[in-house]
């Protein structure tokens, strides 16, 4: 689709971002000023963004991506439909066998046996202490280790076009993520979905909705860590579901996609929670573009790193987020 509105006012921008988040196209090419481009980038969750430069006769005309240059891309269904249609989004470049790979139980048990003080961020320890499964603790440690590396970006591509790639937060303005807990769920099942938010700058975007009949004594622990926890009936949840960018329901429905490894590789599991991809300028060595977009709060960061104000952009590996 192509649009050339007479005015880029708030109504149009709101309508466009809503459409992009609902329909989830792969890519968005923008020939507009940098401020508008940043607003669209920060309030949507596409895999590919291209910023053109009309004045330099370098408009963004296509939706191309060169993964070998750091312009990673993929195919993501609308987030609220993710579990209904696939086990994982496809991200390129990535190893195909990795989508069916899993961590060994013995490895996870050993990985989670170490004292929390040795590996868990301080803000996550109370939640992890309430988890009784050694395997789930070990898996959370794997996820945290992955996030500690993957959130040090954005990383800069190495092609002729200036690109930045990495993990991102859900849309900043409307990207609430709901973890819905129905009757019969155990707290140990939920921890892997909670920790990636609790440990990062996406913490404020998680809402935990629990059925009143669900046994969930750990709710107070989560609330004390600053997470939003609400008790609501199935009817109340259904009435509010449309306002969420993504919804994960536990226990998983019997009809959920099959062939999902119980302990999927960290990168693939995280891809079910957070956006990833790249944004590029059509110009080479476009330093003003790098300075503006690398500083965006859209890039996912570890909470402690963000509070320390560390440099947001690195030249790094180009094999994916």
Protein backbone atom coordinates (compact mmCIF):
# COMPACT_ATOMS: atom_id res chain seq x y z
CA UNK A 1 0.00 0.00 0.00
CA UNK A 2 1.13 3.56 -0.72
CA UNK A 3 -0.14 6.68 1.02
CA UNK A 4 0.66 10.35 0.47
CA UNK A 5 -1.52 12.23 2.97
CA UNK A 6 -2.23 15.92 2.66
CA UNK A 7 -1.31 16.35 6.31
CA UNK A 8 0.78 14.34 8.77
CA UNK A 9 -1.36 15.40 11.71
CA UNK A 10 -1.98 13.43 14.86
CA UNK A 11 -5.15 11.82 13.56
CA UNK A 12 -3.43 10.47 10.46
CA UNK A 13 -0.39 9.24 12.38
CA UNK A 14 -2.59 7.49 14.91
CA UNK A 15 -4.62 5.84 12.17
CA UNK A 16 -1.50 4.73 10.30
CA UNK A 17 0.27 3.26 13.33
CA UNK A 18 -2.91 1.43 14.34
CA UNK A 19 -3.18 -0.08 10.86
CA UNK A 20 0.48 -1.09 10.80
CA UNK A 21 0.24 -2.81 14.18
CA UNK A 22 -3.01 -4.56 13.27
CA UNK A 23 -2.01 -5.81 9.81
CA UNK A 24 1.73 -6.29 10.55
CA UNK A 25 3.27 -5.86 7.08
CA UNK A 26 6.93 -6.83 6.86
CA UNK A 27 8.26 -3.43 5.87
CA UNK A 28 7.67 0.31 5.84
CA UNK A 29 9.42 2.71 3.43
CA UNK A 30 9.29 6.33 4.62
CA UNK A 31 10.01 9.44 2.57
CA UNK A 32 9.38 12.09 5.20
CA UNK A 33 11.31 14.14 7.72
CA UNK A 34 13.33 12.35 10.37
CA UNK A 35 10.98 13.28 13.21
CA UNK A 36 8.00 11.63 11.51
CA UNK A 37 10.09 8.58 10.62
CA UNK A 38 11.17 8.20 14.25
CA UNK A 39 7.57 8.48 15.46
CA UNK A 40 6.51 5.69 13.11
CA UNK A 41 9.49 3.53 14.10
CA UNK A 42 8.87 3.93 17.81
CA UNK A 43 5.13 3.29 17.71
CA UNK A 44 5.05 0.24 15.44
CA UNK A 45 6.80 -3.14 15.35
CA UNK A 46 7.74 -4.02 11.79
CA UNK A 47 10.83 -5.99 10.84
CA UNK A 48 12.14 -3.63 8.13
CA UNK A 49 12.12 0.17 8.07
CA UNK A 50 13.71 2.27 5.32
CA UNK A 51 14.16 6.03 5.63
CA UNK A 52 14.57 7.82 2.29
CA UNK A 53 16.19 11.15 1.56
CA UNK A 54 14.30 13.09 -1.11
CA UNK A 55 16.65 16.07 -0.97
CA UNK A 56 19.64 13.86 -1.72
CA UNK A 57 17.72 12.12 -4.52
CA UNK A 58 17.84 8.85 -2.59
CA UNK A 59 14.20 8.03 -1.89
CA UNK A 60 13.08 4.80 -0.26
CA UNK A 61 11.33 3.09 -3.17
CA UNK A 62 11.40 -0.59 -2.24
CA UNK A 63 11.33 -2.95 0.70
CA UNK A 64 14.72 -4.52 0.16
CA UNK A 65 16.83 -6.04 2.91
CA UNK A 66 20.34 -7.46 2.75
CA UNK A 67 20.82 -9.75 5.76
CA UNK A 68 24.50 -10.24 4.91
CA UNK A 69 24.96 -6.51 5.63
CA UNK A 70 23.10 -6.51 8.94
CA UNK A 71 19.72 -5.72 7.39
CA UNK A 72 18.01 -8.61 9.17
CA UNK A 73 14.39 -9.25 8.31
CA UNK A 74 11.76 -11.93 8.68
CA UNK A 75 8.08 -12.76 8.76
CA UNK A 76 5.99 -11.98 11.81
CA UNK A 77 2.22 -12.46 11.94
CA UNK A 78 0.19 -9.88 13.85
CA UNK A 79 1.34 -10.33 17.42
CA UNK A 80 -2.06 -11.07 18.89
CA UNK A 81 -2.42 -13.94 16.37
CA UNK A 82 1.07 -15.37 16.85
CA UNK A 83 0.24 -18.46 18.89
CA UNK A 84 -2.68 -19.33 16.62
CA UNK A 85 -0.60 -19.59 13.45
CA UNK A 86 3.01 -20.43 14.31
CA UNK A 87 5.42 -21.58 16.97
CA UNK A 88 8.02 -18.90 16.22
CA UNK A 89 8.41 -15.95 13.86
CA UNK A 90 10.97 -16.46 11.09
CA UNK A 91 14.00 -14.19 11.39
CA UNK A 92 16.73 -14.02 8.74
CA UNK A 93 19.57 -14.79 9.05
CA UNK A 94 19.04 -17.72 11.39
CA UNK A 95 19.81 -21.43 11.43
CA UNK A 96 16.84 -23.53 10.31
CA UNK A 97 17.59 -26.50 12.66
CA UNK A 98 17.58 -24.04 15.55
CA UNK A 99 13.80 -23.74 15.40
CA UNK A 100 13.47 -27.36 16.53
CA UNK A 101 16.40 -27.37 18.98
CA UNK A 102 16.07 -27.53 22.74
CA UNK A 103 18.25 -27.34 25.84
CA UNK A 104 18.90 -30.59 27.69
CA UNK A 105 17.16 -30.96 31.03
CA UNK A 106 20.40 -31.86 32.84
CA UNK A 107 22.07 -28.70 31.52
CA UNK A 108 19.21 -26.47 32.67
CA UNK A 109 19.06 -28.06 36.11
CA UNK A 110 22.79 -27.52 36.61
CA UNK A 111 22.57 -24.00 35.19
CA UNK A 112 19.81 -23.04 37.60
CA UNK A 113 21.41 -24.62 40.67
CA UNK A 114 23.91 -21.80 41.20
CA UNK A 115 22.95 -19.16 43.79
CA UNK A 116 20.81 -16.40 42.32
CA UNK A 117 23.28 -13.81 43.56
CA UNK A 118 25.79 -15.14 41.04
CA UNK A 119 23.68 -14.64 37.92
CA UNK A 120 20.28 -13.00 38.45
CA UNK A 121 19.79 -9.22 38.34
CA UNK A 122 18.79 -7.96 41.75
CA UNK A 123 15.35 -6.88 40.55
CA UNK A 124 14.57 -10.42 39.36
CA UNK A 125 15.66 -12.43 42.37
CA UNK A 126 12.44 -12.32 44.39
CA UNK A 127 10.48 -13.68 41.43
CA UNK A 128 13.05 -16.39 40.72
CA UNK A 129 13.10 -17.40 44.39
CA UNK A 130 9.37 -18.13 44.12
CA UNK A 131 10.05 -20.53 41.24
CA UNK A 132 10.47 -24.14 42.41
CA UNK A 133 11.53 -25.83 39.16
CA UNK A 134 15.33 -26.11 38.72
CA UNK A 135 14.82 -26.46 34.97
CA UNK A 136 12.76 -23.27 34.73
CA UNK A 137 15.33 -21.37 36.79
CA UNK A 138 18.07 -22.64 34.51
CA UNK A 139 16.08 -21.62 31.45
CA UNK A 140 15.55 -18.15 32.87
CA UNK A 141 19.29 -17.91 33.38
CA UNK A 142 19.82 -18.81 29.70
CA UNK A 143 17.32 -16.13 28.67
CA UNK A 144 19.01 -13.52 30.85
CA UNK A 145 22.43 -14.39 29.44
CA UNK A 146 21.09 -14.02 25.92
CA UNK A 147 19.40 -10.71 26.72
CA UNK A 148 22.55 -9.34 28.37
CA UNK A 149 24.31 -9.72 25.01
CA UNK A 150 21.46 -9.03 22.58
CA UNK A 151 20.35 -5.78 24.23
CA UNK A 152 23.73 -4.05 23.95
CA UNK A 153 22.71 -2.64 20.56
CA UNK A 154 21.54 -1.42 18.31
CA UNK A 155 24.31 -2.85 16.22
CA UNK A 156 25.38 -1.14 13.04
CA UNK A 157 25.35 -2.93 9.71
CA UNK A 158 28.27 -3.01 7.31
CA UNK A 159 26.65 -2.37 3.91
CA UNK A 160 26.51 0.64 1.63
CA UNK A 161 23.27 1.72 3.27
CA UNK A 162 23.44 2.87 6.89
CA UNK A 163 21.55 0.36 9.04
CA UNK A 164 20.90 -0.37 12.70
CA UNK A 165 19.55 -3.71 13.91
CA UNK A 166 18.65 -5.41 17.14
CA UNK A 167 15.98 -6.31 19.67
CA UNK A 168 13.29 -3.73 20.26
CA UNK A 169 10.54 -2.95 22.73
CA UNK A 170 6.89 -3.29 21.76
CA UNK A 171 5.40 -0.08 20.30
CA UNK A 172 6.02 2.65 22.82
CA UNK A 173 2.61 4.33 22.70
CA UNK A 174 0.23 1.37 22.46
CA UNK A 175 2.38 -1.72 22.99
CA UNK A 176 0.90 -3.28 26.12
CA UNK A 177 1.61 -7.01 26.39
CA UNK A 178 -0.77 -9.23 28.34
CA UNK A 179 0.12 -12.47 30.07
CA UNK A 180 -3.26 -14.06 30.75
CA UNK A 181 -3.29 -16.70 33.49
CA UNK A 182 -6.29 -19.01 33.51
CA UNK A 183 -7.34 -21.55 36.11
CA UNK A 184 -4.88 -24.43 36.44
CA UNK A 185 -1.71 -22.50 35.63
CA UNK A 186 1.34 -22.94 37.86
CA UNK A 187 3.65 -20.08 38.73
CA UNK A 188 6.65 -22.01 37.42
CA UNK A 189 5.03 -21.96 33.95
CA UNK A 190 4.83 -18.18 33.99
CA UNK A 191 8.34 -17.21 35.05
CA UNK A 192 10.00 -17.50 31.63
CA UNK A 193 7.42 -15.03 30.26
CA UNK A 194 7.82 -12.57 33.12
CA UNK A 195 11.60 -12.39 33.60
CA UNK A 196 12.43 -10.95 30.13
CA UNK A 197 10.14 -8.01 30.85
CA UNK A 198 11.18 -7.59 34.47
CA UNK A 199 14.87 -7.47 33.53
CA UNK A 200 14.52 -4.95 30.69
CA UNK A 201 13.15 -1.55 29.77
CA UNK A 202 9.92 -3.24 28.59
CA UNK A 203 8.87 -3.89 32.20
CA UNK A 204 6.21 -1.18 32.23
CA UNK A 205 4.58 -2.69 29.13
CA UNK A 206 3.63 -6.02 30.74
CA UNK A 207 0.18 -6.57 32.23
CA UNK A 208 -0.52 -9.84 34.06
CA UNK A 209 -4.22 -10.72 33.97
CA UNK A 210 -5.19 -13.55 36.31
CA UNK A 211 -8.49 -15.37 36.52
CA UNK A 212 -10.04 -14.93 39.99
CA UNK A 213 -10.19 -18.72 40.32
CA UNK A 214 -6.52 -19.22 39.45
CA UNK A 215 -4.35 -20.14 42.43
CA UNK A 216 -1.80 -17.36 42.26
CA UNK A 217 -0.33 -16.48 45.67
CA UNK A 218 2.79 -15.11 43.97
CA UNK A 219 0.81 -12.10 42.70
CA UNK A 220 1.99 -10.04 45.67
CA UNK A 221 5.63 -10.84 44.83
CA UNK A 222 5.12 -9.55 41.30
CA UNK A 223 3.31 -6.42 42.45
CA UNK A 224 6.14 -5.59 44.84
CA UNK A 225 8.54 -5.70 41.88
CA UNK A 226 6.51 -3.01 40.13
CA UNK A 227 4.60 -5.27 37.72
CA UNK A 228 0.93 -4.62 37.00
CA UNK A 229 -1.24 -7.54 38.12
CA UNK A 230 -5.02 -7.52 37.72
CA UNK A 231 -7.63 -10.09 38.70
CA UNK A 232 -10.42 -10.28 36.14
CA UNK A 233 -12.96 -12.77 34.87
CA UNK A 234 -12.81 -14.32 31.42
CA UNK A 235 -15.58 -11.97 30.34
CA UNK A 236 -13.76 -8.87 31.59
CA UNK A 237 -10.53 -10.02 29.97
CA UNK A 238 -12.26 -10.69 26.65
CA UNK A 239 -13.76 -7.20 26.74
CA UNK A 240 -10.32 -5.61 27.16
CA UNK A 241 -8.26 -7.97 24.99
CA UNK A 242 -8.33 -5.78 21.88
CA UNK A 243 -6.28 -3.06 23.57
CA UNK A 244 -3.21 -5.28 23.87
CA UNK A 245 -0.42 -5.49 21.30
CA UNK A 246 0.23 -9.11 22.23
CA UNK A 247 -1.53 -11.73 24.35
CA UNK A 248 -0.05 -14.93 25.78
CA UNK A 249 -2.48 -17.30 27.48
CA UNK A 250 -1.36 -19.90 30.03
CA UNK A 251 -1.86 -22.81 30.33
CA UNK A 252 -1.35 -23.10 26.58
CA UNK A 253 -4.43 -24.17 24.65
CA UNK A 254 -4.52 -27.76 23.34
CA UNK A 255 -4.72 -26.36 19.81
CA UNK A 256 -1.53 -24.30 20.11
CA UNK A 257 1.06 -24.89 17.35
CA UNK A 258 2.74 -28.26 17.64
CA UNK A 259 6.46 -29.03 17.42
CA UNK A 260 7.31 -26.27 19.86
CA UNK A 261 10.36 -27.33 21.89
CA UNK A 262 9.72 -27.09 25.61
CA UNK A 263 12.95 -25.17 26.11
CA UNK A 264 13.47 -23.43 22.78
CA UNK A 265 16.72 -21.66 21.97
CA UNK A 266 16.78 -18.33 23.76
CA UNK A 267 16.70 -16.18 20.62
CA UNK A 268 13.61 -17.94 19.29
CA UNK A 269 11.71 -17.79 22.56
CA UNK A 270 12.51 -14.09 22.97
CA UNK A 271 11.27 -13.47 19.42
CA UNK A 272 7.79 -14.46 20.60
CA UNK A 273 7.85 -11.64 23.16
CA UNK A 274 9.69 -8.73 21.55
CA UNK A 275 10.06 -7.18 18.09
CA UNK A 276 13.35 -7.36 16.23
CA UNK A 277 14.66 -6.26 12.87
CA UNK A 278 16.39 -3.24 11.37
CA UNK A 279 15.98 0.36 10.30
CA UNK A 280 18.14 1.83 7.55
CA UNK A 281 18.85 5.04 5.69
CA UNK A 282 19.22 4.99 1.92
CA UNK A 283 22.41 7.04 2.35
CA UNK A 284 25.89 5.69 3.07
CA UNK A 285 27.66 6.66 6.29
CA UNK A 286 24.64 8.68 7.41
CA UNK A 287 25.90 9.71 10.84
CA UNK A 288 22.98 12.03 11.64
CA UNK A 289 20.65 9.07 11.09
CA UNK A 290 22.75 6.89 13.41
CA UNK A 291 22.84 9.50 16.16
CA UNK A 292 19.08 10.02 16.05
CA UNK A 293 17.84 6.46 15.79
CA UNK A 294 20.47 4.74 17.93
CA UNK A 295 19.38 6.92 20.85
CA UNK A 296 15.74 5.86 20.54
CA UNK A 297 14.08 4.31 23.59
CA UNK A 298 12.55 1.74 21.21
CA UNK A 299 15.70 -0.42 21.39
CA UNK A 300 15.40 -3.00 24.15
CA UNK A 301 17.92 -2.61 26.97
CA UNK A 302 18.62 -4.34 30.23
CA UNK A 303 17.10 -2.22 32.99
CA UNK A 304 20.37 -1.76 34.88
CA UNK A 305 22.27 -0.81 31.71
CA UNK A 306 19.65 1.77 30.72
CA UNK A 307 19.80 3.39 34.16
CA UNK A 308 23.57 3.69 33.83
CA UNK A 309 23.25 5.59 30.56
CA UNK A 310 25.66 3.41 28.59
CA UNK A 311 26.35 4.11 24.91
CA UNK A 312 23.47 2.74 22.81
CA UNK A 313 25.18 1.92 19.51
CA UNK A 314 27.85 -0.63 18.65
CA UNK A 315 29.38 -1.94 15.50
CA UNK A 316 28.88 -5.64 15.88
CA UNK A 317 28.15 -8.98 14.44
CA UNK A 318 25.74 -9.14 11.55
CA UNK A 319 24.35 -12.64 11.98
CA UNK A 320 21.13 -11.45 13.58
CA UNK A 321 19.69 -9.94 16.76
